[in-house]
Amino acid sequence: MKIVVIENNNVFNMQICKYINQVLIENNKDYDVVSFLDYNNQLNIMIHDREIKIYVVDLKLGKYSAYDVCRQIRESAYDWNSIIIISSFHNAKEDFISMRLAIFTYLSKKINFEQNLKESVLAAINILEKTKFLSINKNCKISINDICYILKEKNSKYCFIQTLNDDYRIRKSLKSLEEELRLTRKKNYLLINENNVVCSDKNKILFQNNIEINL
């Protein structure tokens, strides 16, 4: 997984990367630290690559702001599993809470910034490591909690996975996925996550994202 630092002040950018690398080494964590000075095309591609990440985002990024970055992560990329940490010299914590963008924490650069950043990054890592994910490929993991259903494709070695926000194909058998994920088998070709079911009958199942599947 990656820890993505987005900070337009070059000195602070290097300091933040240094602090994060220190906490990774101290706790024997294997994460790639990637940094950006502004919102550019490379960062946009990374946000939309479906990999779950930890973001450390400065409030003000010149032309863009942390608000713009968070909206790209949450609303454009439909990524509600990555963890976002905001840092700033300004007190805009309440504004971010009101935006409902699921910010993990808001750090002041004026007060114990190094220690608070290290503790926050380590806490974020621990949360991700305790969350159950399914690896689609080497660059993509999805939260098991987000899965609605898994459908065995006819005459294929692949299964189709529908999540709350997206869909995927994986080269695994339905039986192996059933054993790995502990989802409910509804038909011999279908697994469902009952936690995301709104209602069901003998003919169909409706999920939280309003997707419906016929039985």
Protein backbone atom coordinates (compact mmCIF):
# COMPACT_ATOMS: atom_id res chain seq x y z
CA MET A 1 0.00 0.00 0.00
CA LYS A 2 0.96 3.63 -0.40
CA ILE A 3 1.08 6.67 1.86
CA VAL A 4 0.51 9.73 -0.32
CA VAL A 5 1.76 13.12 0.87
CA ILE A 6 0.25 16.17 -0.83
CA GLU A 7 1.98 19.34 0.43
CA ASN A 8 2.90 22.35 -1.70
CA ASN A 9 5.62 23.65 0.64
CA ASN A 10 8.75 21.77 -0.38
CA VAL A 11 10.35 21.98 3.08
CA PHE A 12 7.25 20.68 4.84
CA ASN A 13 6.80 18.06 2.13
CA MET A 14 10.26 16.64 2.83
CA GLN A 15 9.75 16.84 6.61
CA ILE A 16 6.43 14.99 6.46
CA CYS A 17 7.96 12.24 4.31
CA LYS A 18 10.86 12.01 6.74
CA TYR A 19 8.55 11.67 9.77
CA ILE A 20 6.44 9.03 8.03
CA ASN A 21 9.48 7.00 6.96
CA GLN A 22 10.76 7.14 10.53
CA VAL A 23 7.55 5.69 11.93
CA LEU A 24 7.51 3.01 9.21
CA ILE A 25 11.06 1.94 10.06
CA GLU A 26 10.42 2.04 13.81
CA ASN A 27 7.36 -0.18 13.47
CA ASN A 28 8.65 -2.41 10.65
CA LYS A 29 5.88 -1.41 8.23
CA ASP A 30 6.35 -1.89 4.50
CA TYR A 31 4.58 1.03 2.80
CA ASP A 32 5.65 3.17 -0.16
CA VAL A 33 5.71 6.91 0.58
CA VAL A 34 4.87 9.02 -2.49
CA SER A 35 4.78 12.83 -2.42
CA PHE A 36 3.28 15.59 -4.57
CA LEU A 37 3.66 19.36 -4.43
CA ASP A 38 0.31 20.00 -6.10
CA TYR A 39 -2.66 18.32 -7.71
CA ASN A 40 -1.47 17.09 -11.09
CA ASN A 41 -2.39 14.44 -13.63
CA GLN A 42 -0.14 11.82 -12.05
CA LEU A 43 -1.87 12.29 -8.69
CA ASN A 44 -5.29 12.18 -10.35
CA ILE A 45 -4.40 8.83 -11.96
CA MET A 46 -3.19 7.49 -8.61
CA ILE A 47 -6.40 8.55 -6.85
CA HIS A 48 -8.46 6.65 -9.42
CA ASP A 49 -6.32 3.48 -9.53
CA ARG A 50 -8.55 1.67 -6.96
CA GLU A 51 -5.69 0.96 -4.55
CA ILE A 52 -6.50 1.73 -0.91
CA LYS A 53 -4.13 4.34 0.51
CA ILE A 54 -3.35 6.69 3.37
CA TYR A 55 -3.38 10.36 2.32
CA VAL A 56 -1.71 13.21 4.21
CA VAL A 57 -3.08 16.37 2.61
CA ASP A 58 -2.22 20.02 3.27
CA LEU A 59 -5.25 22.29 3.58
CA LYS A 60 -4.02 24.85 1.03
CA LEU A 61 -2.37 23.68 -2.18
CA GLY A 62 -2.23 26.90 -4.16
CA LYS A 63 -4.62 26.52 -7.08
CA TYR A 64 -6.35 23.59 -5.39
CA SER A 65 -7.24 22.79 -1.80
CA ALA A 66 -7.65 19.76 0.41
CA TYR A 67 -11.39 20.06 -0.20
CA ASP A 68 -10.80 19.45 -3.92
CA VAL A 69 -8.52 16.48 -3.23
CA CYS A 70 -10.97 14.89 -0.77
CA ARG A 71 -13.86 15.27 -3.18
CA GLN A 72 -11.82 13.57 -5.89
CA ILE A 73 -11.01 10.68 -3.55
CA ARG A 74 -14.48 10.23 -2.07
CA GLU A 75 -16.88 11.39 -4.78
CA SER A 76 -15.05 11.07 -8.10
CA ALA A 77 -13.06 7.89 -7.37
CA TYR A 78 -15.80 6.54 -5.02
CA ASP A 79 -13.06 5.62 -2.54
CA TRP A 80 -14.40 5.57 1.02
CA ASN A 81 -11.87 3.01 2.27
CA SER A 82 -8.67 5.06 1.99
CA ILE A 83 -7.77 7.10 5.08
CA ILE A 84 -7.33 10.88 4.81
CA ILE A 85 -5.32 13.01 7.25
CA ILE A 86 -5.48 16.81 6.87
CA SER A 87 -2.65 19.09 8.04
CA SER A 88 -2.76 22.87 8.28
CA PHE A 89 -1.60 26.02 10.05
CA HIS A 90 -5.24 27.12 10.03
CA ASN A 91 -8.17 25.93 12.11
CA ALA A 92 -10.70 24.59 9.64
CA LYS A 93 -11.53 21.34 11.40
CA GLU A 94 -15.24 22.12 11.80
CA ASP A 95 -15.53 22.98 8.12
CA PHE A 96 -14.18 19.59 7.15
CA ILE A 97 -16.48 17.78 9.54
CA SER A 98 -19.45 19.56 8.00
CA MET A 99 -18.35 18.43 4.52
CA ARG A 100 -18.92 14.78 5.51
CA LEU A 101 -15.89 13.55 3.61
CA ALA A 102 -14.87 11.03 6.29
CA ILE A 103 -11.64 12.71 7.39
CA PHE A 104 -9.68 10.54 9.80
CA THR A 105 -8.04 13.41 11.69
CA TYR A 106 -7.04 17.06 11.38
CA LEU A 107 -3.52 18.00 12.48
CA SER A 108 -2.26 21.45 13.39
CA LYS A 109 1.25 22.23 12.17
CA LYS A 110 1.64 24.56 15.15
CA ILE A 111 1.20 22.02 17.97
CA ASN A 112 3.26 18.80 18.37
CA PHE A 113 3.01 18.21 14.65
CA GLU A 114 5.75 15.56 14.32
CA GLN A 115 4.45 13.40 17.17
CA ASN A 116 0.79 13.77 16.22
CA LEU A 117 1.54 12.94 12.58
CA LYS A 118 3.48 9.80 13.52
CA GLU A 119 0.74 8.63 15.88
CA SER A 120 -1.98 9.32 13.31
CA VAL A 121 -0.17 7.51 10.50
CA LEU A 122 0.48 4.49 12.72
CA ALA A 123 -3.17 4.45 13.85
CA ALA A 124 -4.28 4.61 10.20
CA ILE A 125 -1.99 1.71 9.29
CA ASN A 126 -3.37 -0.37 12.16
CA ILE A 127 -6.94 0.28 11.00
CA LEU A 128 -6.17 -0.79 7.43
CA GLU A 129 -4.34 -3.90 8.61
CA LYS A 130 -7.34 -4.94 10.74
CA THR A 131 -9.81 -4.35 7.92
CA LYS A 132 -10.54 -7.39 5.79
CA PHE A 133 -9.80 -6.90 2.11
CA LEU A 134 -9.99 -9.05 -0.98
CA SER A 135 -7.07 -8.73 -3.40
CA ILE A 136 -8.31 -8.39 -6.96
CA ASN A 137 -4.76 -8.02 -8.30
CA LYS A 138 -1.44 -6.69 -7.03
CA ASN A 139 -2.63 -3.08 -7.34
CA CYS A 140 -6.23 -3.41 -6.21
CA LYS A 141 -7.86 -4.44 -2.93
CA ILE A 142 -11.50 -4.05 -2.01
CA SER A 143 -13.13 -4.03 1.40
CA ILE A 144 -15.18 -7.15 2.07
CA ASN A 145 -17.75 -4.91 3.79
CA ASP A 146 -18.37 -3.15 0.44
CA ILE A 147 -19.25 -6.33 -1.45
CA CYS A 148 -22.92 -6.75 -2.39
CA TYR A 149 -22.74 -10.02 -4.27
CA ILE A 150 -20.41 -12.34 -6.20
CA LEU A 151 -21.66 -14.10 -9.32
CA LYS A 152 -20.01 -17.05 -11.06
CA GLU A 153 -19.62 -16.28 -14.75
CA LYS A 154 -20.91 -18.99 -17.07
CA ASN A 155 -18.30 -21.08 -18.89
CA SER A 156 -15.53 -19.03 -17.31
CA LYS A 157 -12.87 -19.26 -14.60
CA TYR A 158 -13.84 -15.75 -13.44
CA CYS A 159 -16.34 -14.43 -10.95
CA PHE A 160 -18.10 -11.06 -11.16
CA ILE A 161 -18.02 -8.95 -7.97
CA GLN A 162 -20.50 -6.13 -7.40
CA THR A 163 -19.60 -3.70 -4.60
CA LEU A 164 -21.51 -0.68 -3.32
CA ASN A 165 -19.59 1.59 -5.70
CA ASP A 166 -18.02 -0.48 -8.47
CA ASP A 167 -17.67 -3.89 -10.08
CA TYR A 168 -14.72 -6.22 -10.67
CA ARG A 169 -13.75 -9.55 -12.19
CA ILE A 170 -11.53 -12.00 -10.35
CA ARG A 171 -9.97 -15.27 -11.47
CA LYS A 172 -11.08 -17.41 -8.53
CA SER A 173 -13.69 -20.07 -8.02
CA LEU A 174 -16.92 -19.28 -6.21
CA LYS A 175 -16.15 -22.02 -3.70
CA SER A 176 -12.75 -20.53 -2.78
CA LEU A 177 -14.32 -17.07 -2.41
CA GLU A 178 -17.06 -18.50 -0.21
CA GLU A 179 -14.45 -20.08 2.08
CA GLU A 180 -12.27 -16.96 2.13
CA LEU A 181 -14.97 -14.33 2.64
CA ARG A 182 -17.64 -16.22 4.60
CA LEU A 183 -20.45 -14.76 2.49
CA THR A 184 -23.86 -16.40 2.20
CA ARG A 185 -24.45 -18.78 -0.70
CA LYS A 186 -27.87 -17.96 -2.18
CA LYS A 187 -27.67 -20.08 -5.30
CA ASN A 188 -25.07 -22.46 -6.67
CA TYR A 189 -23.79 -19.51 -8.75
CA LEU A 190 -24.28 -16.67 -6.24
CA LEU A 191 -22.83 -15.36 -2.95
CA ILE A 192 -24.35 -12.38 -1.15
CA ASN A 193 -23.28 -10.08 1.66
CA GLU A 194 -26.38 -9.98 3.86
CA ASN A 195 -25.12 -6.83 5.62
CA ASN A 196 -25.74 -4.86 2.41
CA VAL A 197 -29.18 -6.33 1.64
CA VAL A 198 -32.15 -3.98 2.01
CA CYS A 199 -34.86 -6.52 1.20
CA SER A 200 -35.27 -9.84 -0.59
CA ASP A 201 -37.83 -12.41 -1.65
CA LYS A 202 -37.77 -15.62 -3.69
CA ASN A 203 -37.41 -13.66 -6.94
CA LYS A 204 -34.98 -10.82 -6.26
CA ILE A 205 -32.60 -9.11 -3.83
CA LEU A 206 -32.25 -5.34 -3.39
CA PHE A 207 -28.97 -3.92 -2.03
CA GLN A 208 -28.14 -0.64 -0.27
CA ASN A 209 -26.89 0.98 -3.46
CA ASN A 210 -30.28 0.27 -5.15
CA ILE A 211 -28.78 -2.45 -7.33
CA GLU A 212 -31.19 -5.33 -7.75
CA ILE A 213 -30.41 -8.90 -8.74
CA ASN A 214 -32.97 -11.42 -9.97
CA LEU A 215 -32.82 -14.97 -8.67
